[in-house]
Amino acid sequence: MRRLIAREKRLLVLLAIVVAITAWFYLPRQWSPGAVVETEHYAIRSSATAEQTREIGQVAEIVYAGYRQLMDELQRTIQPHAKLGVKLFKDRTEFRRCNRVFDWAEAFYKPPFCYQYYSAEEVHPYHWMMHEATHQLNNEAARLSLPQWLEEGLACYVSTSRIVDNALHLGEIDTNTYPIWWLDSLELSGDLDADKKKVGIIPLRAIVSGQGGPSMNRHFNLYYLHWWSLTHFLLHYEDGRYRAGLSRLIGDGATLAAFEKHIGLVESIETQWYGYLAESQKRTARATPPVRLKPPSTALRMN
């Protein structure tokens, strides 16, 4: 076997460094949850306090009940499933150390777990979990297969709904949630074509098709506002005019062709949706603060 020359040795050292950095960044770090809290539908592994963990368990069940109601309205069936898994980290630092997530991720769903941290500084330390829990329910309970606009739209719709008297009031907008806190940043002129030209509005055809829109990296929040508002529109416009169509749309894959088959021509719907978005912006500006949770009526089991 020939001896390696100096250049080959340097390349091997560089390769080893790259492999080590990649492993350090992507491999999950050791994490020891202090407890497992079980609710009717969830098993929560947690390093947060007992009180914080119980609060997340309580909200998870509120989301589950609200999601079941939503699926009933959309004529979808919740399938039998095992208890849904949640990993709850005590704070943002631990969450990021153990998972090596990117800067924008405050929570994520990677089957079979929802991963989140308890954010004591926020008004709602659980709304990130509500979003990811909806993704989990879409996948593991309703077993839906959806394009990005509707997958994220449903998750935003649930996670931005207000919790009042320990129940999820679907469609009642909680202004202390993402992406609602970006809604007032939209500079709507009342002229749809003008707003599309200045990229204040993304054409609805691009949203539904997933093609032809502006860079998602540059307009990340704008996309989430569109996904949320279009889903909210389809569920609530004119007392649910398009709700039955949305149900059929989900069953038909929620493609652009299915949208125009079950909802209507995109450009016609776009005009209605644009007006609805403007009204939503005005309505959230007048919204009252959300109601805090009441203590759970039944004890959760901690193992």
C-alpha atoms as a PDB file:
ATOM      1  CA  MET A   1       0.000   0.000   0.000  1.00  0.00           C
ATOM      2  CA  ARG A   2       1.449   3.331  -1.059  1.00  0.00           C
ATOM      3  CA  ARG A   3       1.901   6.140   1.439  1.00  0.00           C
ATOM      4  CA  LEU A   4      -0.430   9.120   1.218  1.00  0.00           C
ATOM      5  CA  ILE A   5       1.058  12.319  -0.087  1.00  0.00           C
ATOM      6  CA  ALA A   6       0.711  15.553   1.894  1.00  0.00           C
ATOM      7  CA  ARG A   7      -2.194  16.851  -0.241  1.00  0.00           C
ATOM      8  CA  GLU A   8      -4.177  13.629   0.251  1.00  0.00           C
ATOM      9  CA  LYS A   9      -3.603  13.779   4.006  1.00  0.00           C
ATOM     10  CA  ARG A  10      -4.920  17.343   4.106  1.00  0.00           C
ATOM     11  CA  LEU A  11      -8.034  16.311   2.170  1.00  0.00           C
ATOM     12  CA  LEU A  12      -8.685  13.435   4.601  1.00  0.00           C
ATOM     13  CA  VAL A  13      -8.323  15.767   7.585  1.00  0.00           C
ATOM     14  CA  LEU A  14     -10.734  18.260   5.999  1.00  0.00           C
ATOM     15  CA  LEU A  15     -13.206  15.453   5.274  1.00  0.00           C
ATOM     16  CA  ALA A  16     -13.014  14.267   8.878  1.00  0.00           C
ATOM     17  CA  ILE A  17     -13.659  17.817  10.113  1.00  0.00           C
ATOM     18  CA  VAL A  18     -16.700  18.175   7.828  1.00  0.00           C
ATOM     19  CA  VAL A  19     -18.105  14.830   8.999  1.00  0.00           C
ATOM     20  CA  ALA A  20     -17.552  15.761  12.651  1.00  0.00           C
ATOM     21  CA  ILE A  21     -19.250  19.171  12.252  1.00  0.00           C
ATOM     22  CA  THR A  22     -22.167  17.622  10.367  1.00  0.00           C
ATOM     23  CA  ALA A  23     -22.628  14.966  13.042  1.00  0.00           C
ATOM     24  CA  TRP A  24     -22.403  17.579  15.806  1.00  0.00           C
ATOM     25  CA  PHE A  25     -25.026  19.749  14.127  1.00  0.00           C
ATOM     26  CA  TYR A  26     -27.562  17.166  12.973  1.00  0.00           C
ATOM     27  CA  LEU A  27     -27.403  14.302  15.429  1.00  0.00           C
ATOM     28  CA  PRO A  28     -29.905  14.707  18.301  1.00  0.00           C
ATOM     29  CA  ARG A  29     -28.395  15.455  21.696  1.00  0.00           C
ATOM     30  CA  GLN A  30     -29.045  13.316  24.737  1.00  0.00           C
ATOM     31  CA  TRP A  31     -32.202  14.410  26.516  1.00  0.00           C
ATOM     32  CA  SER A  32     -33.709  12.979  29.663  1.00  0.00           C
ATOM     33  CA  PRO A  33     -37.337  13.978  30.212  1.00  0.00           C
ATOM     34  CA  GLY A  34     -38.171  14.213  33.887  1.00  0.00           C
ATOM     35  CA  ALA A  35     -41.677  12.866  33.529  1.00  0.00           C
ATOM     36  CA  VAL A  36     -44.279  11.450  31.189  1.00  0.00           C
ATOM     37  CA  VAL A  37     -47.755  12.942  31.458  1.00  0.00           C
ATOM     38  CA  GLU A  38     -50.617  11.043  29.895  1.00  0.00           C
ATOM     39  CA  THR A  39     -53.945  12.496  28.867  1.00  0.00           C
ATOM     40  CA  GLU A  40     -56.785  10.801  27.043  1.00  0.00           C
ATOM     41  CA  HIS A  41     -55.154  11.152  23.640  1.00  0.00           C
ATOM     42  CA  TYR A  42     -51.529  12.167  24.348  1.00  0.00           C
ATOM     43  CA  ALA A  43     -48.349  10.930  25.987  1.00  0.00           C
ATOM     44  CA  ILE A  44     -46.109  13.901  26.792  1.00  0.00           C
ATOM     45  CA  ARG A  45     -42.415  13.416  27.594  1.00  0.00           C
ATOM     46  CA  SER A  46     -41.319  16.543  29.397  1.00  0.00           C
ATOM     47  CA  SER A  47     -38.441  18.333  31.054  1.00  0.00           C
ATOM     48  CA  ALA A  48     -40.658  21.340  31.867  1.00  0.00           C
ATOM     49  CA  THR A  49     -42.220  21.808  35.295  1.00  0.00           C
ATOM     50  CA  ALA A  50     -45.167  19.675  36.347  1.00  0.00           C
ATOM     51  CA  GLU A  51     -47.509  22.678  36.126  1.00  0.00           C
ATOM     52  CA  GLN A  52     -46.263  23.654  32.663  1.00  0.00           C
ATOM     53  CA  THR A  53     -46.561  20.076  31.426  1.00  0.00           C
ATOM     54  CA  ARG A  54     -50.106  19.777  32.711  1.00  0.00           C
ATOM     55  CA  GLU A  55     -50.986  23.033  30.958  1.00  0.00           C
ATOM     56  CA  ILE A  56     -49.656  21.734  27.646  1.00  0.00           C
ATOM     57  CA  GLY A  57     -51.567  18.482  28.153  1.00  0.00           C
ATOM     58  CA  GLN A  58     -54.735  20.430  28.853  1.00  0.00           C
ATOM     59  CA  VAL A  59     -54.333  22.517  25.699  1.00  0.00           C
ATOM     60  CA  ALA A  60     -53.490  19.435  23.624  1.00  0.00           C
ATOM     61  CA  GLU A  61     -56.845  17.930  24.576  1.00  0.00           C
ATOM     62  CA  ILE A  62     -58.616  21.219  23.803  1.00  0.00           C
ATOM     63  CA  VAL A  63     -56.980  21.175  20.355  1.00  0.00           C
ATOM     64  CA  TYR A  64     -57.967  17.546  19.862  1.00  0.00           C
ATOM     65  CA  ALA A  65     -61.622  18.288  20.631  1.00  0.00           C
ATOM     66  CA  GLY A  66     -61.590  21.335  18.361  1.00  0.00           C
ATOM     67  CA  TYR A  67     -59.934  19.391  15.577  1.00  0.00           C
ATOM     68  CA  ARG A  68     -62.542  16.624  15.858  1.00  0.00           C
ATOM     69  CA  GLN A  69     -65.248  19.290  15.545  1.00  0.00           C
ATOM     70  CA  LEU A  70     -63.506  20.690  12.457  1.00  0.00           C
ATOM     71  CA  MET A  71     -63.274  17.268  10.838  1.00  0.00           C
ATOM     72  CA  ASP A  72     -66.968  16.672  11.559  1.00  0.00           C
ATOM     73  CA  GLU A  73     -67.759  19.952   9.783  1.00  0.00           C
ATOM     74  CA  LEU A  74     -65.617  18.835   6.849  1.00  0.00           C
ATOM     75  CA  GLN A  75     -67.136  15.346   6.861  1.00  0.00           C
ATOM     76  CA  ARG A  76     -63.811  13.680   7.532  1.00  0.00           C
ATOM     77  CA  THR A  77     -63.306  10.746   9.894  1.00  0.00           C
ATOM     78  CA  ILE A  78     -60.867  10.455  12.786  1.00  0.00           C
ATOM     79  CA  GLN A  79     -59.206   7.064  12.432  1.00  0.00           C
ATOM     80  CA  PRO A  80     -58.231   4.817  15.380  1.00  0.00           C
ATOM     81  CA  HIS A  81     -54.739   5.698  16.564  1.00  0.00           C
ATOM     82  CA  ALA A  82     -52.315   5.187  19.417  1.00  0.00           C
ATOM     83  CA  LYS A  83     -51.666   7.980  21.903  1.00  0.00           C
ATOM     84  CA  LEU A  84     -50.031  10.899  20.153  1.00  0.00           C
ATOM     85  CA  GLY A  85     -46.475  11.697  21.189  1.00  0.00           C
ATOM     86  CA  VAL A  86     -45.194  15.073  22.381  1.00  0.00           C
ATOM     87  CA  LYS A  87     -41.675  16.014  23.506  1.00  0.00           C
ATOM     88  CA  LEU A  88     -41.799  19.138  25.653  1.00  0.00           C
ATOM     89  CA  PHE A  89     -38.522  20.913  26.461  1.00  0.00           C
ATOM     90  CA  LYS A  90     -38.185  23.233  29.431  1.00  0.00           C
ATOM     91  CA  ASP A  91     -37.059  26.258  27.396  1.00  0.00           C
ATOM     92  CA  ARG A  92     -35.856  27.446  23.997  1.00  0.00           C
ATOM     93  CA  THR A  93     -32.192  26.873  24.807  1.00  0.00           C
ATOM     94  CA  GLU A  94     -32.707  23.206  25.646  1.00  0.00           C
ATOM     95  CA  PHE A  95     -35.014  22.725  22.656  1.00  0.00           C
ATOM     96  CA  ARG A  96     -32.378  24.035  20.257  1.00  0.00           C
ATOM     97  CA  ARG A  97     -29.458  22.277  21.927  1.00  0.00           C
ATOM     98  CA  CYS A  98     -31.164  18.904  21.699  1.00  0.00           C
ATOM     99  CA  ASN A  99     -32.616  19.262  18.214  1.00  0.00           C
ATOM    100  CA  ARG A 100     -30.258  21.580  16.290  1.00  0.00           C
ATOM    101  CA  VAL A 101     -33.169  23.321  14.606  1.00  0.00           C
ATOM    102  CA  PHE A 102     -32.825  26.351  12.386  1.00  0.00           C
ATOM    103  CA  ASP A 103     -33.468  29.867  13.633  1.00  0.00           C
ATOM    104  CA  TRP A 104     -37.059  30.083  12.396  1.00  0.00           C
ATOM    105  CA  ALA A 105     -38.285  26.870  14.044  1.00  0.00           C
ATOM    106  CA  GLU A 106     -40.025  27.290  17.391  1.00  0.00           C
ATOM    107  CA  ALA A 107     -41.577  23.819  17.205  1.00  0.00           C
ATOM    108  CA  PHE A 108     -41.817  21.031  14.661  1.00  0.00           C
ATOM    109  CA  TYR A 109     -43.557  17.748  13.961  1.00  0.00           C
ATOM    110  CA  LYS A 110     -41.446  14.773  13.015  1.00  0.00           C
ATOM    111  CA  PRO A 111     -43.400  11.513  13.261  1.00  0.00           C
ATOM    112  CA  PRO A 112     -44.173  10.174  15.742  1.00  0.00           C
ATOM    113  CA  PHE A 113     -43.584  13.261  17.970  1.00  0.00           C
ATOM    114  CA  CYS A 114     -44.401  16.938  18.169  1.00  0.00           C
ATOM    115  CA  TYR A 115     -41.345  18.785  19.499  1.00  0.00           C
ATOM    116  CA  GLN A 116     -41.756  22.088  21.342  1.00  0.00           C
ATOM    117  CA  TYR A 117     -40.536  24.084  24.299  1.00  0.00           C
ATOM    118  CA  TYR A 118     -42.473  25.891  26.990  1.00  0.00           C
ATOM    119  CA  SER A 119     -42.197  29.614  26.297  1.00  0.00           C
ATOM    120  CA  ALA A 120     -42.988  31.280  29.611  1.00  0.00           C
ATOM    121  CA  GLU A 121     -42.387  34.763  28.143  1.00  0.00           C
ATOM    122  CA  GLU A 122     -45.242  34.542  25.619  1.00  0.00           C
ATOM    123  CA  VAL A 123     -48.910  35.302  26.232  1.00  0.00           C
ATOM    124  CA  HIS A 124     -49.706  31.840  24.876  1.00  0.00           C
ATOM    125  CA  PRO A 125     -46.815  29.482  25.648  1.00  0.00           C
ATOM    126  CA  TYR A 126     -48.641  26.744  23.777  1.00  0.00           C
ATOM    127  CA  HIS A 127     -49.683  28.184  20.408  1.00  0.00           C
ATOM    128  CA  TRP A 128     -46.665  26.697  18.598  1.00  0.00           C
ATOM    129  CA  MET A 129     -47.741  23.310  19.923  1.00  0.00           C
ATOM    130  CA  MET A 130     -51.287  23.908  18.639  1.00  0.00           C
ATOM    131  CA  HIS A 131     -49.903  24.407  15.133  1.00  0.00           C
ATOM    132  CA  GLU A 132     -47.692  21.319  15.164  1.00  0.00           C
ATOM    133  CA  ALA A 133     -50.376  19.247  16.883  1.00  0.00           C
ATOM    134  CA  THR A 134     -52.650  19.978  13.932  1.00  0.00           C
ATOM    135  CA  HIS A 135     -50.017  18.637  11.532  1.00  0.00           C
ATOM    136  CA  GLN A 136     -49.825  15.531  13.713  1.00  0.00           C
ATOM    137  CA  LEU A 137     -53.604  15.147  13.729  1.00  0.00           C
ATOM    138  CA  ASN A 138     -53.755  15.612   9.950  1.00  0.00           C
ATOM    139  CA  ASN A 139     -51.242  12.804   9.552  1.00  0.00           C
ATOM    140  CA  GLU A 140     -51.985  10.353  12.353  1.00  0.00           C
ATOM    141  CA  ALA A 141     -55.678  10.889  13.136  1.00  0.00           C
ATOM    142  CA  ALA A 142     -57.489  12.102  10.001  1.00  0.00           C
ATOM    143  CA  ARG A 143     -54.750  10.716   7.704  1.00  0.00           C
ATOM    144  CA  LEU A 144     -55.024  13.516   5.201  1.00  0.00           C
ATOM    145  CA  SER A 145     -52.692  14.031   2.264  1.00  0.00           C
ATOM    146  CA  LEU A 146     -52.664  17.739   1.481  1.00  0.00           C
ATOM    147  CA  PRO A 147     -50.588  20.226  -0.533  1.00  0.00           C
ATOM    148  CA  GLN A 148     -48.608  22.786   1.423  1.00  0.00           C
ATOM    149  CA  TRP A 149     -51.142  25.629   1.196  1.00  0.00           C
ATOM    150  CA  LEU A 150     -53.911  23.621   2.840  1.00  0.00           C
ATOM    151  CA  GLU A 151     -51.713  21.593   5.222  1.00  0.00           C
ATOM    152  CA  GLU A 152     -50.290  24.808   6.635  1.00  0.00           C
ATOM    153  CA  GLY A 153     -53.609  26.604   6.266  1.00  0.00           C
ATOM    154  CA  LEU A 154     -55.423  24.126   8.501  1.00  0.00           C
ATOM    155  CA  ALA A 155     -52.597  24.202  11.050  1.00  0.00           C
ATOM    156  CA  CYS A 156     -52.721  28.016  11.141  1.00  0.00           C
ATOM    157  CA  TYR A 157     -56.514  28.008  11.305  1.00  0.00           C
ATOM    158  CA  VAL A 158     -56.526  25.809  14.406  1.00  0.00           C
ATOM    159  CA  SER A 159     -53.566  27.448  16.136  1.00  0.00           C
ATOM    160  CA  THR A 160     -54.923  30.981  15.660  1.00  0.00           C
ATOM    161  CA  SER A 161     -58.359  30.112  17.061  1.00  0.00           C
ATOM    162  CA  ARG A 162     -59.184  31.447  20.518  1.00  0.00           C
ATOM    163  CA  ILE A 163     -59.482  29.255  23.581  1.00  0.00           C
ATOM    164  CA  VAL A 164     -62.425  30.445  25.675  1.00  0.00           C
ATOM    165  CA  ASP A 165     -63.733  28.591  28.750  1.00  0.00           C
ATOM    166  CA  ASN A 166     -61.454  25.633  27.975  1.00  0.00           C
ATOM    167  CA  ALA A 167     -62.859  25.159  24.481  1.00  0.00           C
ATOM    168  CA  LEU A 168     -61.429  25.995  21.080  1.00  0.00           C
ATOM    169  CA  HIS A 169     -63.636  28.514  19.290  1.00  0.00           C
ATOM    170  CA  LEU A 170     -62.800  27.664  15.708  1.00  0.00           C
ATOM    171  CA  GLY A 171     -62.296  30.685  13.504  1.00  0.00           C
ATOM    172  CA  GLU A 172     -62.361  33.257  16.308  1.00  0.00           C
ATOM    173  CA  ILE A 173     -59.046  34.964  15.709  1.00  0.00           C
ATOM    174  CA  ASP A 174     -56.529  35.180  18.548  1.00  0.00           C
ATOM    175  CA  THR A 175     -54.308  38.177  17.805  1.00  0.00           C
ATOM    176  CA  ASN A 176     -51.476  36.825  19.986  1.00  0.00           C
ATOM    177  CA  THR A 177     -50.621  34.052  17.532  1.00  0.00           C
ATOM    178  CA  TYR A 178     -48.559  33.544  14.392  1.00  0.00           C
ATOM    179  CA  PRO A 179     -49.119  34.574  11.616  1.00  0.00           C
ATOM    180  CA  ILE A 180     -51.858  36.932  12.875  1.00  0.00           C
ATOM    181  CA  TRP A 181     -49.352  39.293  14.467  1.00  0.00           C
ATOM    182  CA  TRP A 182     -48.106  40.029  10.919  1.00  0.00           C
ATOM    183  CA  LEU A 183     -51.576  40.768   9.574  1.00  0.00           C
ATOM    184  CA  ASP A 184     -51.406  44.500  10.249  1.00  0.00           C
ATOM    185  CA  SER A 185     -48.182  44.678   8.216  1.00  0.00           C
ATOM    186  CA  LEU A 186     -50.163  44.082   5.018  1.00  0.00           C
ATOM    187  CA  GLU A 187     -50.544  47.374   3.171  1.00  0.00           C
ATOM    188  CA  LEU A 188     -53.752  46.707   1.287  1.00  0.00           C
ATOM    189  CA  SER A 189     -54.675  49.514  -1.083  1.00  0.00           C
ATOM    190  CA  GLY A 190     -58.086  48.198  -2.089  1.00  0.00           C
ATOM    191  CA  ASP A 191     -56.741  47.634  -5.608  1.00  0.00           C
ATOM    192  CA  LEU A 192     -56.008  43.900  -5.967  1.00  0.00           C
ATOM    193  CA  ASP A 193     -53.982  44.223  -9.183  1.00  0.00           C
ATOM    194  CA  ALA A 194     -51.857  47.016  -7.745  1.00  0.00           C
ATOM    195  CA  ASP A 195     -51.177  45.036  -4.581  1.00  0.00           C
ATOM    196  CA  LYS A 196     -50.137  41.999  -6.629  1.00  0.00           C
ATOM    197  CA  LYS A 197     -47.707  44.113  -8.633  1.00  0.00           C
ATOM    198  CA  LYS A 198     -45.953  45.373  -5.503  1.00  0.00           C
ATOM    199  CA  VAL A 199     -45.968  41.814  -4.014  1.00  0.00           C
ATOM    200  CA  GLY A 200     -48.237  42.858  -1.186  1.00  0.00           C
ATOM    201  CA  ILE A 201     -50.526  40.086  -2.386  1.00  0.00           C
ATOM    202  CA  ILE A 202     -49.503  36.780  -3.952  1.00  0.00           C
ATOM    203  CA  PRO A 203     -51.782  35.683  -6.818  1.00  0.00           C
ATOM    204  CA  LEU A 204     -54.175  33.046  -5.548  1.00  0.00           C
ATOM    205  CA  ARG A 205     -53.376  30.827  -8.522  1.00  0.00           C
ATOM    206  CA  ALA A 206     -49.751  30.704  -7.352  1.00  0.00           C
ATOM    207  CA  ILE A 207     -50.847  29.901  -3.786  1.00  0.00           C
ATOM    208  CA  VAL A 208     -53.097  26.997  -4.777  1.00  0.00           C
ATOM    209  CA  SER A 209     -50.835  25.589  -7.498  1.00  0.00           C
ATOM    210  CA  GLY A 210     -47.629  26.076  -5.506  1.00  0.00           C
ATOM    211  CA  GLN A 211     -46.002  27.538  -8.610  1.00  0.00           C
ATOM    212  CA  GLY A 212     -45.169  30.984  -9.940  1.00  0.00           C
ATOM    213  CA  GLY A 213     -45.139  32.909  -6.677  1.00  0.00           C
ATOM    214  CA  PRO A 214     -42.370  35.092  -5.239  1.00  0.00           C
ATOM    215  CA  SER A 215     -39.463  33.644  -3.265  1.00  0.00           C
ATOM    216  CA  MET A 216     -40.688  31.962  -0.100  1.00  0.00           C
ATOM    217  CA  ASN A 217     -37.390  32.758   1.615  1.00  0.00           C
ATOM    218  CA  ARG A 218     -37.998  36.489   1.089  1.00  0.00           C
ATOM    219  CA  HIS A 219     -41.763  36.398   1.732  1.00  0.00           C
ATOM    220  CA  PHE A 220     -42.071  33.673   4.357  1.00  0.00           C
ATOM    221  CA  ASN A 221     -44.625  35.437   6.581  1.00  0.00           C
ATOM    222  CA  LEU A 222     -46.636  36.598   3.580  1.00  0.00           C
ATOM    223  CA  TYR A 223     -47.104  33.004   2.435  1.00  0.00           C
ATOM    224  CA  TYR A 224     -48.315  31.956   5.891  1.00  0.00           C
ATOM    225  CA  LEU A 225     -50.791  34.844   5.934  1.00  0.00           C
ATOM    226  CA  HIS A 226     -52.145  33.696   2.574  1.00  0.00           C
ATOM    227  CA  TRP A 227     -52.400  30.040   3.623  1.00  0.00           C
ATOM    228  CA  TRP A 228     -54.172  30.968   6.848  1.00  0.00           C
ATOM    229  CA  SER A 229     -56.523  33.534   5.313  1.00  0.00           C
ATOM    230  CA  LEU A 230     -57.537  31.354   2.356  1.00  0.00           C
ATOM    231  CA  THR A 231     -58.408  28.462   4.670  1.00  0.00           C
ATOM    232  CA  HIS A 232     -60.317  30.798   7.004  1.00  0.00           C
ATOM    233  CA  PHE A 233     -62.138  32.229   3.979  1.00  0.00           C
ATOM    234  CA  LEU A 234     -63.164  28.806   2.672  1.00  0.00           C
ATOM    235  CA  LEU A 235     -64.562  27.866   6.080  1.00  0.00           C
ATOM    236  CA  HIS A 236     -66.338  31.100   7.012  1.00  0.00           C
ATOM    237  CA  TYR A 237     -67.074  33.304   4.002  1.00  0.00           C
ATOM    238  CA  GLU A 238     -70.801  34.099   3.858  1.00  0.00           C
ATOM    239  CA  ASP A 239     -71.630  31.731   6.718  1.00  0.00           C
ATOM    240  CA  GLY A 240     -69.702  28.829   5.258  1.00  0.00           C
ATOM    241  CA  ARG A 241     -70.656  29.151   1.604  1.00  0.00           C
ATOM    242  CA  TYR A 242     -67.583  27.165   0.515  1.00  0.00           C
ATOM    243  CA  ARG A 243     -67.311  24.744   3.444  1.00  0.00           C
ATOM    244  CA  ALA A 244     -68.924  21.823   1.614  1.00  0.00           C
ATOM    245  CA  GLY A 245     -66.729  22.564  -1.379  1.00  0.00           C
ATOM    246  CA  LEU A 246     -63.674  22.521   0.868  1.00  0.00           C
ATOM    247  CA  SER A 247     -64.684  19.080   2.106  1.00  0.00           C
ATOM    248  CA  ARG A 248     -64.877  17.803  -1.459  1.00  0.00           C
ATOM    249  CA  LEU A 249     -61.640  19.624  -2.292  1.00  0.00           C
ATOM    250  CA  ILE A 250     -59.794  17.784   0.489  1.00  0.00           C
ATOM    251  CA  GLY A 251     -61.105  14.460  -0.767  1.00  0.00           C
ATOM    252  CA  ASP A 252     -59.968  15.318  -4.285  1.00  0.00           C
ATOM    253  CA  GLY A 253     -56.383  16.204  -3.384  1.00  0.00           C
ATOM    254  CA  ALA A 254     -56.748  20.018  -3.125  1.00  0.00           C
ATOM    255  CA  THR A 255     -55.028  20.560  -6.474  1.00  0.00           C
ATOM    256  CA  LEU A 256     -55.616  23.623  -8.627  1.00  0.00           C
ATOM    257  CA  ALA A 257     -57.952  21.627 -10.890  1.00  0.00           C
ATOM    258  CA  ALA A 258     -59.871  20.340  -7.859  1.00  0.00           C
ATOM    259  CA  PHE A 259     -60.100  23.888  -6.479  1.00  0.00           C
ATOM    260  CA  GLU A 260     -61.736  25.185  -9.641  1.00  0.00           C
ATOM    261  CA  LYS A 261     -63.997  22.137  -9.785  1.00  0.00           C
ATOM    262  CA  HIS A 262     -65.276  22.348  -6.200  1.00  0.00           C
ATOM    263  CA  ILE A 263     -64.823  26.023  -5.244  1.00  0.00           C
ATOM    264  CA  GLY A 264     -64.783  28.104  -8.429  1.00  0.00           C
ATOM    265  CA  LEU A 265     -62.553  29.841 -10.936  1.00  0.00           C
ATOM    266  CA  VAL A 266     -59.501  31.040  -9.043  1.00  0.00           C
ATOM    267  CA  GLU A 267     -59.641  34.618 -10.331  1.00  0.00           C
ATOM    268  CA  SER A 268     -63.295  34.968  -9.274  1.00  0.00           C
ATOM    269  CA  ILE A 269     -62.623  33.541  -5.829  1.00  0.00           C
ATOM    270  CA  GLU A 270     -59.529  35.741  -5.531  1.00  0.00           C
ATOM    271  CA  THR A 271     -61.642  38.908  -5.589  1.00  0.00           C
ATOM    272  CA  GLN A 272     -63.917  37.616  -2.814  1.00  0.00           C
ATOM    273  CA  TRP A 273     -60.960  36.411  -0.756  1.00  0.00           C
ATOM    274  CA  TYR A 274     -59.131  39.740  -1.117  1.00  0.00           C
ATOM    275  CA  GLY A 275     -62.110  41.612   0.323  1.00  0.00           C
ATOM    276  CA  TYR A 276     -62.377  39.027   3.107  1.00  0.00           C
ATOM    277  CA  LEU A 277     -58.693  39.461   3.939  1.00  0.00           C
ATOM    278  CA  ALA A 278     -59.100  43.234   4.178  1.00  0.00           C
ATOM    279  CA  GLU A 279     -62.081  42.813   6.494  1.00  0.00           C
ATOM    280  CA  SER A 280     -60.138  40.306   8.609  1.00  0.00           C
ATOM    281  CA  GLN A 281     -57.385  42.864   9.009  1.00  0.00           C
ATOM    282  CA  LYS A 282     -59.891  45.435  10.284  1.00  0.00           C
ATOM    283  CA  ARG A 283     -61.575  42.896  12.554  1.00  0.00           C
ATOM    284  CA  THR A 284     -58.361  41.835  14.277  1.00  0.00           C
ATOM    285  CA  ALA A 285     -57.523  45.474  14.966  1.00  0.00           C
ATOM    286  CA  ARG A 286     -60.743  45.639  17.014  1.00  0.00           C
ATOM    287  CA  ALA A 287     -60.313  42.253  18.708  1.00  0.00           C
ATOM    288  CA  THR A 288     -60.460  41.896  22.476  1.00  0.00           C
ATOM    289  CA  PRO A 289     -57.671  40.125  24.372  1.00  0.00           C
ATOM    290  CA  PRO A 290     -58.010  36.324  24.585  1.00  0.00           C
ATOM    291  CA  VAL A 291     -59.224  34.568  27.704  1.00  0.00           C
ATOM    292  CA  ARG A 292     -56.661  32.659  29.747  1.00  0.00           C
ATOM    293  CA  LEU A 293     -57.080  29.001  30.549  1.00  0.00           C
ATOM    294  CA  LYS A 294     -58.978  27.767  33.542  1.00  0.00           C
ATOM    295  CA  PRO A 295     -57.402  24.975  35.631  1.00  0.00           C
ATOM    296  CA  PRO A 296     -58.220  21.521  34.229  1.00  0.00           C
ATOM    297  CA  SER A 297     -61.384  20.003  35.656  1.00  0.00           C
ATOM    298  CA  THR A 298     -59.805  16.551  35.844  1.00  0.00           C
ATOM    299  CA  ALA A 299     -56.303  15.579  36.926  1.00  0.00           C
ATOM    300  CA  LEU A 300     -53.769  14.394  34.372  1.00  0.00           C
ATOM    301  CA  ARG A 301     -51.696  11.346  35.200  1.00  0.00           C
ATOM    302  CA  MET A 302     -47.954  11.827  35.662  1.00  0.00           C
ATOM    303  CA  ASN A 303     -45.630   8.841  35.464  1.00  0.00           C
END
